[in-house]
PDB file of N, CA and C in Angstrom:
ATOM      1  N   MET A   1      45.438   3.364 -63.035  1.00  0.00           N
ATOM      2  CA  MET A   1      46.826   3.993 -62.582  1.00  0.00           C
ATOM      3  C   MET A   1      47.622   2.781 -61.947  1.00  0.00           C
ATOM      4  N   ALA A   2      48.847   2.744 -62.116  1.00  0.00           N
ATOM      5  CA  ALA A   2      49.632   1.460 -61.644  1.00  0.00           C
ATOM      6  C   ALA A   2      50.118   1.769 -60.334  1.00  0.00           C
ATOM      7  N   MET A   3      50.378   0.552 -59.496  1.00  0.00           N
ATOM      8  CA  MET A   3      50.908   0.655 -58.110  1.00  0.00           C
ATOM      9  C   MET A   3      52.199   1.655 -57.675  1.00  0.00           C
ATOM     10  N   GLY A   4      51.977   2.655 -56.882  1.00  0.00           N
ATOM     11  CA  GLY A   4      52.952   3.488 -56.596  1.00  0.00           C
ATOM     12  C   GLY A   4      52.909   4.577 -57.548  1.00  0.00           C
ATOM     13  N   THR A   5      51.853   5.064 -58.093  1.00  0.00           N
ATOM     14  CA  THR A   5      51.694   6.243 -59.072  1.00  0.00           C
ATOM     15  C   THR A   5      51.986   7.288 -58.610  1.00  0.00           C
ATOM     16  N   ARG A   6      52.912   8.237 -59.181  1.00  0.00           N
ATOM     17  CA  ARG A   6      53.365   9.595 -58.569  1.00  0.00           C
ATOM     18  C   ARG A   6      52.423  10.589 -59.414  1.00  0.00           C
ATOM     19  N   VAL A   7      52.090  11.847 -58.341  1.00  0.00           N
ATOM     20  CA  VAL A   7      51.384  12.832 -58.999  1.00  0.00           C
ATOM     21  C   VAL A   7      51.982  14.163 -58.249  1.00  0.00           C
ATOM     22  N   ASN A   8      52.197  15.021 -59.089  1.00  0.00           N
ATOM     23  CA  ASN A   8      52.734  16.403 -58.345  1.00  0.00           C
ATOM     24  C   ASN A   8      51.417  16.918 -57.686  1.00  0.00           C
ATOM     25  N   ILE A   9      51.972  17.846 -56.880  1.00  0.00           N
ATOM     26  CA  ILE A   9      50.748  18.505 -56.001  1.00  0.00           C
ATOM     27  C   ILE A   9      49.645  19.392 -56.659  1.00  0.00           C
ATOM     28  N   TYR A  10      50.187  19.914 -57.906  1.00  0.00           N
ATOM     29  CA  TYR A  10      49.091  20.843 -58.620  1.00  0.00           C
ATOM     30  C   TYR A  10      48.164  19.814 -59.292  1.00  0.00           C
ATOM     31  N   ASP A  11      48.493  18.689 -59.622  1.00  0.00           N
ATOM     32  CA  ASP A  11      47.489  17.641 -60.369  1.00  0.00           C
ATOM     33  C   ASP A  11      46.904  17.011 -59.360  1.00  0.00           C
ATOM     34  N   ALA A  12      47.510  16.660 -58.173  1.00  0.00           N
ATOM     35  CA  ALA A  12      46.718  15.885 -57.137  1.00  0.00           C
ATOM     36  C   ALA A  12      45.357  16.858 -56.584  1.00  0.00           C
ATOM     37  N   LYS A  13      45.819  18.088 -56.414  1.00  0.00           N
ATOM     38  CA  LYS A  13      44.954  19.178 -55.856  1.00  0.00           C
ATOM     39  C   LYS A  13      43.683  19.358 -57.121  1.00  0.00           C
ATOM     40  N   ALA A  14      43.993  19.158 -58.347  1.00  0.00           N
ATOM     41  CA  ALA A  14      42.946  19.242 -59.340  1.00  0.00           C
ATOM     42  C   ALA A  14      42.240  18.272 -59.433  1.00  0.00           C
ATOM     43  N   ARG A  15      42.882  16.923 -59.290  1.00  0.00           N
ATOM     44  CA  ARG A  15      42.197  15.542 -59.404  1.00  0.00           C
ATOM     45  C   ARG A  15      41.833  14.901 -57.929  1.00  0.00           C
ATOM     46  N   PHE A  16      41.828  15.688 -57.030  1.00  0.00           N
ATOM     47  CA  PHE A  16      41.739  15.027 -55.736  1.00  0.00           C
ATOM     48  C   PHE A  16      40.630  13.845 -55.637  1.00  0.00           C
ATOM     49  N   SER A  17      39.360  14.283 -56.122  1.00  0.00           N
ATOM     50  CA  SER A  17      38.360  13.325 -55.926  1.00  0.00           C
ATOM     51  C   SER A  17      38.680  12.210 -56.702  1.00  0.00           C
ATOM     52  N   SER A  18      39.221  12.259 -57.994  1.00  0.00           N
ATOM     53  CA  SER A  18      39.228  10.894 -58.683  1.00  0.00           C
ATOM     54  C   SER A  18      40.426  10.268 -58.263  1.00  0.00           C
ATOM     55  N   LEU A  19      41.388  10.717 -57.569  1.00  0.00           N
ATOM     56  CA  LEU A  19      42.544  10.026 -57.093  1.00  0.00           C
ATOM     57  C   LEU A  19      41.986   9.313 -55.783  1.00  0.00           C
ATOM     58  N   ILE A  20      41.357   9.930 -54.856  1.00  0.00           N
ATOM     59  CA  ILE A  20      40.758   9.211 -53.604  1.00  0.00           C
ATOM     60  C   ILE A  20      39.611   8.014 -54.316  1.00  0.00           C
ATOM     61  N   ALA A  21      38.805   8.287 -55.381  1.00  0.00           N
ATOM     62  CA  ALA A  21      38.135   7.156 -55.951  1.00  0.00           C
ATOM     63  C   ALA A  21      39.050   5.881 -56.495  1.00  0.00           C
ATOM     64  N   THR A  22      40.104   6.240 -57.057  1.00  0.00           N
ATOM     65  CA  THR A  22      40.976   5.288 -57.292  1.00  0.00           C
ATOM     66  C   THR A  22      41.743   4.334 -56.075  1.00  0.00           C
ATOM     67  N   VAL A  23      41.958   5.263 -55.257  1.00  0.00           N
ATOM     68  CA  VAL A  23      42.537   4.596 -53.827  1.00  0.00           C
ATOM     69  C   VAL A  23      41.414   3.612 -53.375  1.00  0.00           C
ATOM     70  N   GLU A  24      40.486   4.001 -53.323  1.00  0.00           N
ATOM     71  CA  GLU A  24      38.928   3.344 -52.830  1.00  0.00           C
ATOM     72  C   GLU A  24      38.863   2.060 -53.409  1.00  0.00           C
ATOM     73  N   ARG A  25      38.590   2.257 -54.750  1.00  0.00           N
ATOM     74  CA  ARG A  25      38.337   1.320 -55.603  1.00  0.00           C
ATOM     75  C   ARG A  25      39.388   0.053 -56.014  1.00  0.00           C
ATOM     76  N   SER A  26      40.567   0.465 -55.975  1.00  0.00           N
ATOM     77  CA  SER A  26      41.750  -0.787 -56.392  1.00  0.00           C
ATOM     78  C   SER A  26      42.766  -0.835 -55.353  1.00  0.00           C
ATOM     79  N   GLY A  27      42.747   0.052 -54.072  1.00  0.00           N
ATOM     80  CA  GLY A  27      43.715  -0.022 -53.030  1.00  0.00           C
ATOM     81  C   GLY A  27      45.099   0.514 -53.485  1.00  0.00           C
ATOM     82  N   THR A  28      45.222   1.277 -54.806  1.00  0.00           N
ATOM     83  CA  THR A  28      46.511   1.659 -55.261  1.00  0.00           C
ATOM     84  C   THR A  28      47.181   2.723 -54.084  1.00  0.00           C
ATOM     85  N   ARG A  29      48.355   2.732 -53.973  1.00  0.00           N
ATOM     86  CA  ARG A  29      48.819   3.872 -53.235  1.00  0.00           C
ATOM     87  C   ARG A  29      49.276   4.795 -54.419  1.00  0.00           C
ATOM     88  N   ILE A  30      49.317   6.112 -53.777  1.00  0.00           N
ATOM     89  CA  ILE A  30      49.461   7.186 -54.783  1.00  0.00           C
ATOM     90  C   ILE A  30      50.686   8.191 -53.988  1.00  0.00           C
ATOM     91  N   VAL A  31      51.691   8.346 -54.548  1.00  0.00           N
ATOM     92  CA  VAL A  31      52.660   9.411 -53.981  1.00  0.00           C
ATOM     93  C   VAL A  31      52.371  10.572 -54.449  1.00  0.00           C
ATOM     94  N   ILE A  32      52.403  11.598 -53.660  1.00  0.00           N
ATOM     95  CA  ILE A  32      52.160  13.108 -54.034  1.00  0.00           C
ATOM     96  C   ILE A  32      53.714  13.752 -53.831  1.00  0.00           C
ATOM     97  N   CYS A  33      53.984  14.404 -54.917  1.00  0.00           N
ATOM     98  CA  CYS A  33      55.411  14.844 -55.227  1.00  0.00           C
ATOM     99  C   CYS A  33      55.394  16.350 -55.198  1.00  0.00           C
ATOM    100  N   ARG A  34      56.388  16.847 -54.774  1.00  0.00           N
ATOM    101  CA  ARG A  34      56.783  18.404 -54.960  1.00  0.00           C
ATOM    102  C   ARG A  34      58.006  18.555 -55.608  1.00  0.00           C
ATOM    103  N   HIS A  35      57.877  19.109 -56.720  1.00  0.00           N
ATOM    104  CA  HIS A  35      59.469  19.135 -57.469  1.00  0.00           C
ATOM    105  C   HIS A  35      59.920  17.736 -57.885  1.00  0.00           C
ATOM    106  N   GLY A  36      59.290  16.949 -58.028  1.00  0.00           N
ATOM    107  CA  GLY A  36      59.652  15.379 -58.059  1.00  0.00           C
ATOM    108  C   GLY A  36      60.127  14.437 -57.087  1.00  0.00           C
ATOM    109  N   LYS A  37      59.800  15.215 -55.786  1.00  0.00           N
ATOM    110  CA  LYS A  37      60.206  14.433 -54.626  1.00  0.00           C
ATOM    111  C   LYS A  37      59.056  14.032 -53.692  1.00  0.00           C
ATOM    112  N   PRO A  38      59.131  13.113 -53.650  1.00  0.00           N
ATOM    113  CA  PRO A  38      57.927  12.447 -52.635  1.00  0.00           C
ATOM    114  C   PRO A  38      57.691  13.180 -51.372  1.00  0.00           C
ATOM    115  N   VAL A  39      56.449  13.520 -50.979  1.00  0.00           N
ATOM    116  CA  VAL A  39      56.337  14.216 -49.809  1.00  0.00           C
ATOM    117  C   VAL A  39      55.089  13.738 -48.875  1.00  0.00           C
ATOM    118  N   ALA A  40      54.236  13.006 -49.576  1.00  0.00           N
ATOM    119  CA  ALA A  40      53.277  12.394 -48.839  1.00  0.00           C
ATOM    120  C   ALA A  40      52.697  10.973 -49.923  1.00  0.00           C
ATOM    121  N   ASP A  41      52.009  10.237 -48.867  1.00  0.00           N
ATOM    122  CA  ASP A  41      51.366   8.901 -49.712  1.00  0.00           C
ATOM    123  C   ASP A  41      49.802   9.074 -49.382  1.00  0.00           C
ATOM    124  N   LEU A  42      49.091   8.706 -50.357  1.00  0.00           N
ATOM    125  CA  LEU A  42      47.642   8.762 -50.382  1.00  0.00           C
ATOM    126  C   LEU A  42      47.430   7.130 -50.394  1.00  0.00           C
ATOM    127  N   THR A  43      47.038   6.541 -49.101  1.00  0.00           N
ATOM    128  CA  THR A  43      46.812   5.185 -49.231  1.00  0.00           C
ATOM    129  C   THR A  43      45.546   4.648 -48.752  1.00  0.00           C
ATOM    130  N   PRO A  44      45.101   3.556 -48.939  1.00  0.00           N
ATOM    131  CA  PRO A  44      43.645   3.145 -48.505  1.00  0.00           C
ATOM    132  C   PRO A  44      43.769   2.880 -47.084  1.00  0.00           C
ATOM    133  N   HIS A  45      42.613   3.427 -46.425  1.00  0.00           N
ATOM    134  CA  HIS A  45      42.391   3.030 -44.945  1.00  0.00           C
ATOM    135  C   HIS A  45      42.253   1.669 -44.418  1.00  0.00           C
ATOM    136  N   ARG A  46      42.975   1.380 -43.661  1.00  0.00           N
ATOM    137  CA  ARG A  46      43.091  -0.210 -43.158  1.00  0.00           C
ATOM    138  C   ARG A  46      42.585  -0.044 -41.842  1.00  0.00           C
ATOM    139  N   GLY A  47      41.404  -0.606 -41.416  1.00  0.00           N
ATOM    140  CA  GLY A  47      40.556  -0.711 -40.205  1.00  0.00           C
ATOM    141  C   GLY A  47      41.641  -1.370 -39.192  1.00  0.00           C
ATOM    142  N   HIS A  48      40.950  -1.436 -37.927  1.00  0.00           N
ATOM    143  CA  HIS A  48      41.768  -2.221 -36.963  1.00  0.00           C
ATOM    144  C   HIS A  48      41.915  -3.427 -37.208  1.00  0.00           C
ATOM    145  N   LYS A  49      42.903  -4.113 -36.941  1.00  0.00           N
ATOM    146  CA  LYS A  49      43.510  -5.310 -37.252  1.00  0.00           C
ATOM    147  C   LYS A  49      42.760  -6.393 -36.380  1.00  0.00           C
ATOM    148  N   HIS A  50      42.581  -6.012 -34.870  1.00  0.00           N
ATOM    149  CA  HIS A  50      42.433  -6.954 -34.073  1.00  0.00           C
ATOM    150  C   HIS A  50      40.809  -6.513 -33.416  1.00  0.00           C
ATOM    151  N   GLY A  51      40.260  -5.784 -34.016  1.00  0.00           N
ATOM    152  CA  GLY A  51      38.719  -5.422 -33.576  1.00  0.00           C
ATOM    153  C   GLY A  51      38.913  -4.786 -32.468  1.00  0.00           C
ATOM    154  N   PRO A  52      37.721  -4.306 -31.790  1.00  0.00           N
ATOM    155  CA  PRO A  52      37.642  -3.624 -30.073  1.00  0.00           C
ATOM    156  C   PRO A  52      38.246  -4.581 -29.456  1.00  0.00           C
ATOM    157  N   LEU A  53      38.660  -3.714 -28.370  1.00  0.00           N
ATOM    158  CA  LEU A  53      39.452  -4.266 -26.828  1.00  0.00           C
ATOM    159  C   LEU A  53      38.276  -4.896 -26.278  1.00  0.00           C
ATOM    160  N   ILE A  54      38.737  -6.158 -25.657  1.00  0.00           N
ATOM    161  CA  ILE A  54      37.711  -6.816 -24.772  1.00  0.00           C
ATOM    162  C   ILE A  54      38.269  -6.950 -23.435  1.00  0.00           C
ATOM    163  N   PRO A  55      37.504  -6.418 -22.363  1.00  0.00           N
ATOM    164  CA  PRO A  55      38.425  -6.455 -21.032  1.00  0.00           C
ATOM    165  C   PRO A  55      38.459  -8.010 -20.567  1.00  0.00           C
ATOM    166  N   ASP A  56      39.656  -8.129 -19.944  1.00  0.00           N
ATOM    167  CA  ASP A  56      39.917  -9.429 -19.104  1.00  0.00           C
ATOM    168  C   ASP A  56      39.125  -9.697 -18.148  1.00  0.00           C
ATOM    169  N   PRO A  57      38.282 -10.630 -18.111  1.00  0.00           N
ATOM    170  CA  PRO A  57      37.294 -11.152 -17.099  1.00  0.00           C
ATOM    171  C   PRO A  57      38.103 -11.171 -15.756  1.00  0.00           C
ATOM    172  N   ALA A  58      39.354 -11.684 -15.855  1.00  0.00           N
ATOM    173  CA  ALA A  58      40.047 -11.824 -14.464  1.00  0.00           C
ATOM    174  C   ALA A  58      40.285 -10.542 -14.065  1.00  0.00           C
ATOM    175  N   LEU A  59      40.175  -9.323 -14.624  1.00  0.00           N
ATOM    176  CA  LEU A  59      40.389  -8.062 -14.040  1.00  0.00           C
ATOM    177  C   LEU A  59      39.003  -7.401 -13.584  1.00  0.00           C
ATOM    178  N   ALA A  60      38.130  -8.223 -13.597  1.00  0.00           N
ATOM    179  CA  ALA A  60      36.589  -7.593 -13.355  1.00  0.00           C
ATOM    180  C   ALA A  60      36.726  -7.201 -11.885  1.00  0.00           C
ATOM    181  N   GLY A  61      36.294  -5.963 -11.661  1.00  0.00           N
ATOM    182  CA  GLY A  61      36.153  -5.348 -10.133  1.00  0.00           C
ATOM    183  C   GLY A  61      37.661  -4.718  -9.796  1.00  0.00           C
ATOM    184  N   ALA A  62      38.767  -4.793 -10.778  1.00  0.00           N
ATOM    185  CA  ALA A  62      39.829  -4.466 -10.205  1.00  0.00           C
ATOM    186  C   ALA A  62      39.941  -2.681 -10.433  1.00  0.00           C
ATOM    187  N   CYS A  63      40.589  -2.262  -9.335  1.00  0.00           N
ATOM    188  CA  CYS A  63      40.413  -0.631  -9.268  1.00  0.00           C
ATOM    189  C   CYS A  63      41.926  -0.133  -8.754  1.00  0.00           C
ATOM    190  N   PHE A  64      42.410   0.701  -9.740  1.00  0.00           N
ATOM    191  CA  PHE A  64      43.535   1.588  -9.460  1.00  0.00           C
ATOM    192  C   PHE A  64      43.443   2.942  -8.876  1.00  0.00           C
ATOM    193  N   HIS A  65      43.782   2.959  -7.660  1.00  0.00           N
ATOM    194  CA  HIS A  65      43.679   4.126  -6.682  1.00  0.00           C
ATOM    195  C   HIS A  65      44.931   5.317  -7.090  1.00  0.00           C
ATOM    196  N   GLY A  66      46.007   4.877  -7.427  1.00  0.00           N
ATOM    197  CA  GLY A  66      47.149   5.809  -7.750  1.00  0.00           C
ATOM    198  C   GLY A  66      46.941   6.951  -8.707  1.00  0.00           C
ATOM    199  N   ASP A  67      47.962   7.792  -9.066  1.00  0.00           N
ATOM    200  CA  ASP A  67      47.929   8.756  -9.932  1.00  0.00           C
ATOM    201  C   ASP A  67      48.943   8.055 -10.988  1.00  0.00           C
ATOM    202  N   PRO A  68      48.051   7.819 -12.503  1.00  0.00           N
ATOM    203  CA  PRO A  68      48.944   7.315 -13.455  1.00  0.00           C
ATOM    204  C   PRO A  68      50.106   8.068 -13.824  1.00  0.00           C
ATOM    205  N   CYS A  69      49.664   9.555 -13.694  1.00  0.00           N
ATOM    206  CA  CYS A  69      50.979  10.551 -14.340  1.00  0.00           C
ATOM    207  C   CYS A  69      51.937  10.731 -13.188  1.00  0.00           C
ATOM    208  N   ALA A  70      51.833  10.256 -12.160  1.00  0.00           N
ATOM    209  CA  ALA A  70      52.786  10.615 -10.997  1.00  0.00           C
ATOM    210  C   ALA A  70      54.235  10.030 -11.370  1.00  0.00           C
ATOM    211  N   PRO A  71      55.186  10.806 -11.308  1.00  0.00           N
ATOM    212  CA  PRO A  71      56.623  10.049 -11.505  1.00  0.00           C
ATOM    213  C   PRO A  71      57.011   8.883 -10.672  1.00  0.00           C
ATOM    214  N   LEU A  72      57.706   8.122 -11.201  1.00  0.00           N
ATOM    215  CA  LEU A  72      58.286   6.824 -10.526  1.00  0.00           C
ATOM    216  C   LEU A  72      59.569   7.279  -9.645  1.00  0.00           C
ATOM    217  N   SER A  73      59.742   6.567  -8.672  1.00  0.00           N
ATOM    218  CA  SER A  73      60.980   6.789  -7.994  1.00  0.00           C
ATOM    219  C   SER A  73      62.023   5.756  -8.538  1.00  0.00           C
ATOM    220  N   PRO A  74      63.358   5.914  -8.343  1.00  0.00           N
ATOM    221  CA  PRO A  74      64.208   4.855  -8.998  1.00  0.00           C
ATOM    222  C   PRO A  74      63.880   3.290  -8.673  1.00  0.00           C
ATOM    223  N   ALA A  75      63.507   3.550  -7.431  1.00  0.00           N
ATOM    224  CA  ALA A  75      63.225   2.196  -6.768  1.00  0.00           C
ATOM    225  C   ALA A  75      62.018   1.333  -7.780  1.00  0.00           C
ATOM    226  N   ASP A  76      61.149   1.942  -8.240  1.00  0.00           N
ATOM    227  CA  ASP A  76      60.076   1.625  -8.761  1.00  0.00           C
ATOM    228  C   ASP A  76      60.458   0.955 -10.305  1.00  0.00           C
ATOM    229  N   TRP A  77      61.794   1.272 -10.812  1.00  0.00           N
ATOM    230  CA  TRP A  77      62.089   0.805 -11.858  1.00  0.00           C
ATOM    231  C   TRP A  77      62.738  -0.623 -11.811  1.00  0.00           C
ATOM    232  N   PRO A  78      62.665  -1.321 -12.814  1.00  0.00           N
ATOM    233  CA  PRO A  78      63.635  -2.840 -12.929  1.00  0.00           C
ATOM    234  C   PRO A  78      65.054  -1.938 -12.772  1.00  0.00           C
ATOM    235  N   GLU A  79      65.866  -3.176 -12.234  1.00  0.00           N
ATOM    236  CA  GLU A  79      67.232  -2.686 -11.966  1.00  0.00           C
ATOM    237  C   GLU A  79      67.871  -2.550 -13.311  1.00  0.00           C
ATOM    238  N   ASP A  80      67.595  -3.222 -14.328  1.00  0.00           N
ATOM    239  CA  ASP A  80      68.510  -2.943 -15.502  1.00  0.00           C
ATOM    240  C   ASP A  80      67.697  -1.906 -16.399  1.00  0.00           C
ATOM    241  N   GLN A  81      66.657  -1.068 -15.917  1.00  0.00           N
ATOM    242  CA  GLN A  81      66.421   0.111 -16.584  1.00  0.00           C
ATOM    243  C   GLN A  81      66.507   1.556 -16.006  1.00  0.00           C
ATOM    244  N   ARG A  82      67.329   1.302 -14.586  1.00  0.00           N
ATOM    245  CA  ARG A  82      67.518   2.529 -13.902  1.00  0.00           C
ATOM    246  C   ARG A  82      68.418   3.591 -14.678  1.00  0.00           C
TER     247      ARG A  82
END
């Protein structure tokens, strides 16, 4: 299948396993269409770009005691964002 292959929903449903195999093998993007109009893309999964998050050693032992969901007062916002 060529890059950006279009497949209608009925065919995609009938050939789902082979479409997944094509995406896995070649990285090809497949566009799923309804009545000739694109509605979804079947694309290869891309893992995390940066890997796992690593805590900053400078923040070791830091503790936040406030409520992170509490609303901020206007005084808490920078002047240009009030």
